[in-house]
Amino acid sequence: MRVDKTIDNVKGCLCRSCPSYSSHCKLKSGEYLPFDISHLSHLEVMFCAFEKSNCIHENRGCLCGKCPVHKKYALNNEDYCLCTGGVL
């Protein structure tokens, strides 16, 4: 199922709390988000809706299965930050 690229979904997303989410990613993601993110092709958060991360390169644990967005869209994969679509 395709995940909607919305601010509400970003707010529910657990990516920034994930052990794999590096301090480098935190700096790149910043705090500012435009009101409409539906047109964006990449964002360093909510990887299940966008594409894999440009700054996460090591699996240090995964919170996808506990994420409200993951549950809302009945997603089956994990590690979306490491591989687009979450299939390693």
N, C-alpha and C. Protein backbone atom coordinates (compact mmCIF):
# COMPACT_ATOMS: atom_id res chain seq x y z
N MET A 1 0.85 -1.18 0.00
CA MET A 1 0.00 0.00 0.00
C MET A 1 0.89 1.24 0.00
N ARG A 2 0.49 2.21 -0.74
CA ARG A 2 1.23 3.47 -0.84
C ARG A 2 0.93 4.36 0.37
N VAL A 3 1.96 4.87 1.00
CA VAL A 3 1.82 5.74 2.17
C VAL A 3 1.66 7.18 1.70
N ASP A 4 0.63 7.85 2.20
CA ASP A 4 0.38 9.24 1.84
C ASP A 4 1.46 10.14 2.43
N LYS A 5 1.97 11.03 1.60
CA LYS A 5 2.99 11.98 2.02
C LYS A 5 2.30 13.20 2.62
N THR A 6 2.01 13.11 3.93
CA THR A 6 1.33 14.20 4.63
C THR A 6 2.10 14.58 5.89
N ILE A 7 1.89 15.80 6.32
CA ILE A 7 2.51 16.28 7.56
C ILE A 7 2.01 15.45 8.74
N ASP A 8 0.74 15.09 8.76
CA ASP A 8 0.21 14.27 9.86
C ASP A 8 0.94 12.93 9.95
N ASN A 9 1.20 12.31 8.80
CA ASN A 9 1.95 11.06 8.82
C ASN A 9 3.38 11.26 9.29
N VAL A 10 4.01 12.35 8.89
CA VAL A 10 5.37 12.65 9.37
C VAL A 10 5.37 12.81 10.88
N LYS A 11 4.35 13.46 11.41
CA LYS A 11 4.27 13.66 12.86
C LYS A 11 4.12 12.34 13.61
N GLY A 12 3.47 11.35 13.01
CA GLY A 12 3.30 10.04 13.63
C GLY A 12 4.46 9.10 13.40
N CYS A 13 5.32 9.45 12.49
CA CYS A 13 6.45 8.62 12.07
C CYS A 13 7.47 8.47 13.20
N LEU A 14 8.03 7.26 13.33
CA LEU A 14 9.04 6.99 14.36
C LEU A 14 10.48 7.01 13.85
N CYS A 15 10.68 7.33 12.57
CA CYS A 15 12.03 7.28 11.99
C CYS A 15 13.05 8.05 12.82
N ARG A 16 12.73 9.24 13.25
CA ARG A 16 13.70 10.06 13.99
C ARG A 16 14.06 9.47 15.35
N SER A 17 13.24 8.56 15.85
CA SER A 17 13.51 7.91 17.14
C SER A 17 14.25 6.59 16.97
N CYS A 18 14.40 6.13 15.76
CA CYS A 18 14.99 4.82 15.47
C CYS A 18 16.47 4.79 15.82
N PRO A 19 16.96 3.66 16.34
CA PRO A 19 18.39 3.54 16.64
C PRO A 19 19.29 3.68 15.40
N SER A 20 18.76 3.39 14.23
CA SER A 20 19.55 3.50 13.00
C SER A 20 19.63 4.93 12.49
N TYR A 21 18.76 5.80 13.00
CA TYR A 21 18.72 7.19 12.55
C TYR A 21 19.91 7.93 13.15
N SER A 22 20.88 8.23 12.33
CA SER A 22 22.14 8.80 12.80
C SER A 22 22.04 10.29 13.12
N SER A 23 23.03 10.77 13.86
CA SER A 23 23.07 12.20 14.17
C SER A 23 23.26 13.01 12.89
N HIS A 24 23.96 12.45 11.91
CA HIS A 24 24.14 13.11 10.61
C HIS A 24 22.77 13.31 9.94
N CYS A 25 21.91 12.31 10.03
CA CYS A 25 20.56 12.42 9.46
C CYS A 25 19.76 13.49 10.18
N LYS A 26 19.89 13.54 11.49
CA LYS A 26 19.16 14.53 12.26
C LYS A 26 19.52 15.94 11.81
N LEU A 27 20.79 16.16 11.51
CA LEU A 27 21.22 17.47 11.03
C LEU A 27 20.66 17.75 9.63
N LYS A 28 20.63 16.74 8.78
CA LYS A 28 20.15 16.92 7.41
C LYS A 28 18.63 17.10 7.34
N SER A 29 17.90 16.47 8.27
CA SER A 29 16.44 16.52 8.19
C SER A 29 15.89 17.86 8.64
N GLY A 30 16.60 18.52 9.57
CA GLY A 30 16.14 19.82 10.05
C GLY A 30 14.78 19.74 10.71
N GLU A 31 14.25 20.85 11.08
CA GLU A 31 12.95 20.90 11.74
C GLU A 31 11.87 21.49 10.85
N TYR A 32 12.27 22.21 9.82
CA TYR A 32 11.29 22.88 8.96
C TYR A 32 10.76 21.92 7.90
N LEU A 33 9.45 21.85 7.79
CA LEU A 33 8.81 21.11 6.71
C LEU A 33 7.79 22.04 6.05
N PRO A 34 7.73 22.00 4.73
CA PRO A 34 6.71 22.80 4.05
C PRO A 34 5.33 22.24 4.39
N PHE A 35 4.30 23.03 4.19
CA PHE A 35 2.94 22.58 4.51
C PHE A 35 2.52 21.41 3.63
N ASP A 36 2.93 21.42 2.38
CA ASP A 36 2.56 20.36 1.44
C ASP A 36 3.81 19.60 1.05
N ILE A 37 3.90 18.35 1.48
CA ILE A 37 5.07 17.54 1.16
C ILE A 37 4.75 16.49 0.09
N SER A 38 3.54 16.49 -0.41
CA SER A 38 3.11 15.46 -1.36
C SER A 38 3.92 15.46 -2.66
N HIS A 39 4.48 16.59 -3.02
CA HIS A 39 5.24 16.70 -4.27
C HIS A 39 6.72 16.33 -4.10
N LEU A 40 7.19 16.17 -2.87
CA LEU A 40 8.60 15.88 -2.63
C LEU A 40 8.94 14.44 -3.03
N SER A 41 10.12 14.25 -3.57
CA SER A 41 10.55 12.90 -3.94
C SER A 41 11.44 12.30 -2.86
N HIS A 42 12.03 13.14 -2.00
CA HIS A 42 12.88 12.63 -0.94
C HIS A 42 12.73 13.49 0.32
N LEU A 43 12.81 12.81 1.45
CA LEU A 43 12.78 13.46 2.75
C LEU A 43 13.52 12.53 3.69
N GLU A 44 14.35 13.04 4.56
CA GLU A 44 15.11 12.18 5.48
C GLU A 44 14.28 11.79 6.70
N VAL A 45 13.09 11.32 6.42
CA VAL A 45 12.15 10.82 7.43
C VAL A 45 11.03 10.10 6.67
N MET A 46 10.28 9.28 7.33
CA MET A 46 9.15 8.56 6.74
C MET A 46 9.56 7.86 5.43
N PHE A 47 10.57 7.03 5.55
CA PHE A 47 11.16 6.36 4.40
C PHE A 47 10.20 5.40 3.72
N CYS A 48 9.18 4.94 4.43
CA CYS A 48 8.18 4.06 3.82
C CYS A 48 7.36 4.79 2.76
N ALA A 49 7.33 6.10 2.82
CA ALA A 49 6.58 6.90 1.83
C ALA A 49 7.49 7.48 0.76
N PHE A 50 8.74 7.68 1.10
CA PHE A 50 9.68 8.29 0.17
C PHE A 50 10.63 7.21 -0.34
N GLU A 51 11.88 7.44 -0.30
CA GLU A 51 12.87 6.47 -0.72
C GLU A 51 13.85 6.28 0.41
N LYS A 52 14.78 5.36 0.23
CA LYS A 52 15.74 5.08 1.29
C LYS A 52 16.54 6.33 1.65
N SER A 53 17.14 6.28 2.81
CA SER A 53 17.92 7.41 3.32
C SER A 53 19.21 7.61 2.54
N ASN A 54 19.64 8.85 2.48
CA ASN A 54 20.94 9.18 1.90
C ASN A 54 22.02 9.22 2.97
N CYS A 55 21.64 9.06 4.24
CA CYS A 55 22.64 9.18 5.30
C CYS A 55 22.63 8.02 6.31
N ILE A 56 21.71 7.10 6.20
CA ILE A 56 21.72 5.91 7.06
C ILE A 56 22.33 4.78 6.25
N HIS A 57 23.39 4.18 6.80
CA HIS A 57 24.08 3.13 6.07
C HIS A 57 24.27 1.85 6.89
N GLU A 58 23.77 1.87 8.12
CA GLU A 58 23.96 0.72 8.99
C GLU A 58 22.69 0.46 9.78
N ASN A 59 22.29 -0.79 9.86
CA ASN A 59 21.12 -1.17 10.64
C ASN A 59 21.53 -1.32 12.09
N ARG A 60 21.03 -0.41 12.93
CA ARG A 60 21.31 -0.45 14.37
C ARG A 60 20.05 -0.78 15.15
N GLY A 61 19.07 -1.29 14.45
CA GLY A 61 17.78 -1.60 15.03
C GLY A 61 16.69 -0.96 14.20
N CYS A 62 15.49 -1.45 14.31
CA CYS A 62 14.39 -0.97 13.49
C CYS A 62 13.12 -0.83 14.32
N LEU A 63 12.44 0.31 14.16
CA LEU A 63 11.17 0.56 14.86
C LEU A 63 9.97 0.49 13.93
N CYS A 64 10.19 0.12 12.68
CA CYS A 64 9.08 0.13 11.71
C CYS A 64 7.85 -0.61 12.23
N GLY A 65 8.03 -1.79 12.78
CA GLY A 65 6.91 -2.60 13.26
C GLY A 65 6.11 -1.95 14.37
N LYS A 66 6.69 -0.98 15.08
CA LYS A 66 6.01 -0.28 16.17
C LYS A 66 5.44 1.06 15.73
N CYS A 67 5.72 1.46 14.50
CA CYS A 67 5.34 2.79 14.01
C CYS A 67 3.85 2.88 13.67
N PRO A 68 3.18 3.94 14.12
CA PRO A 68 1.76 4.13 13.79
C PRO A 68 1.49 4.23 12.28
N VAL A 69 2.42 4.81 11.54
CA VAL A 69 2.24 4.93 10.08
C VAL A 69 2.33 3.55 9.44
N HIS A 70 3.27 2.74 9.89
CA HIS A 70 3.44 1.37 9.41
C HIS A 70 2.15 0.58 9.64
N LYS A 71 1.58 0.73 10.82
CA LYS A 71 0.34 0.03 11.16
C LYS A 71 -0.85 0.57 10.38
N LYS A 72 -0.94 1.88 10.26
CA LYS A 72 -2.06 2.54 9.56
C LYS A 72 -2.18 2.04 8.12
N TYR A 73 -1.03 1.83 7.47
CA TYR A 73 -1.03 1.41 6.06
C TYR A 73 -0.80 -0.09 5.89
N ALA A 74 -0.83 -0.83 6.99
CA ALA A 74 -0.68 -2.28 6.97
C ALA A 74 0.55 -2.71 6.17
N LEU A 75 1.68 -2.07 6.45
CA LEU A 75 2.93 -2.38 5.76
C LEU A 75 3.51 -3.68 6.29
N ASN A 76 4.23 -4.39 5.45
CA ASN A 76 4.78 -5.69 5.83
C ASN A 76 6.29 -5.70 5.97
N ASN A 77 6.97 -4.71 5.41
CA ASN A 77 8.42 -4.71 5.40
C ASN A 77 8.99 -3.83 6.50
N GLU A 78 10.30 -3.88 6.64
CA GLU A 78 11.04 -3.04 7.58
C GLU A 78 12.28 -2.51 6.87
N ASP A 79 13.06 -1.73 7.57
CA ASP A 79 14.31 -1.22 7.05
C ASP A 79 14.13 -0.36 5.80
N TYR A 80 13.06 0.43 5.77
CA TYR A 80 12.79 1.32 4.64
C TYR A 80 13.90 2.36 4.47
N CYS A 81 14.60 2.65 5.55
CA CYS A 81 15.69 3.63 5.48
C CYS A 81 16.89 3.09 4.72
N LEU A 82 17.06 1.78 4.70
CA LEU A 82 18.21 1.16 4.04
C LEU A 82 17.94 0.70 2.62
N CYS A 83 16.67 0.47 2.31
CA CYS A 83 16.34 -0.05 0.98
C CYS A 83 14.94 0.45 0.59
N THR A 84 14.83 1.15 -0.49
CA THR A 84 13.54 1.64 -0.95
C THR A 84 12.58 0.47 -1.08
N GLY A 85 11.44 0.60 -0.44
CA GLY A 85 10.45 -0.47 -0.43
C GLY A 85 10.62 -1.41 0.74
N GLY A 86 11.72 -1.26 1.47
CA GLY A 86 11.94 -2.03 2.68
C GLY A 86 12.32 -3.48 2.47
N VAL A 87 12.74 -3.85 1.29
CA VAL A 87 13.12 -5.23 1.03
C VAL A 87 14.63 -5.28 0.83
N LEU A 88 15.34 -5.85 1.80
CA LEU A 88 16.81 -5.93 1.70
C LEU A 88 17.21 -7.12 0.86
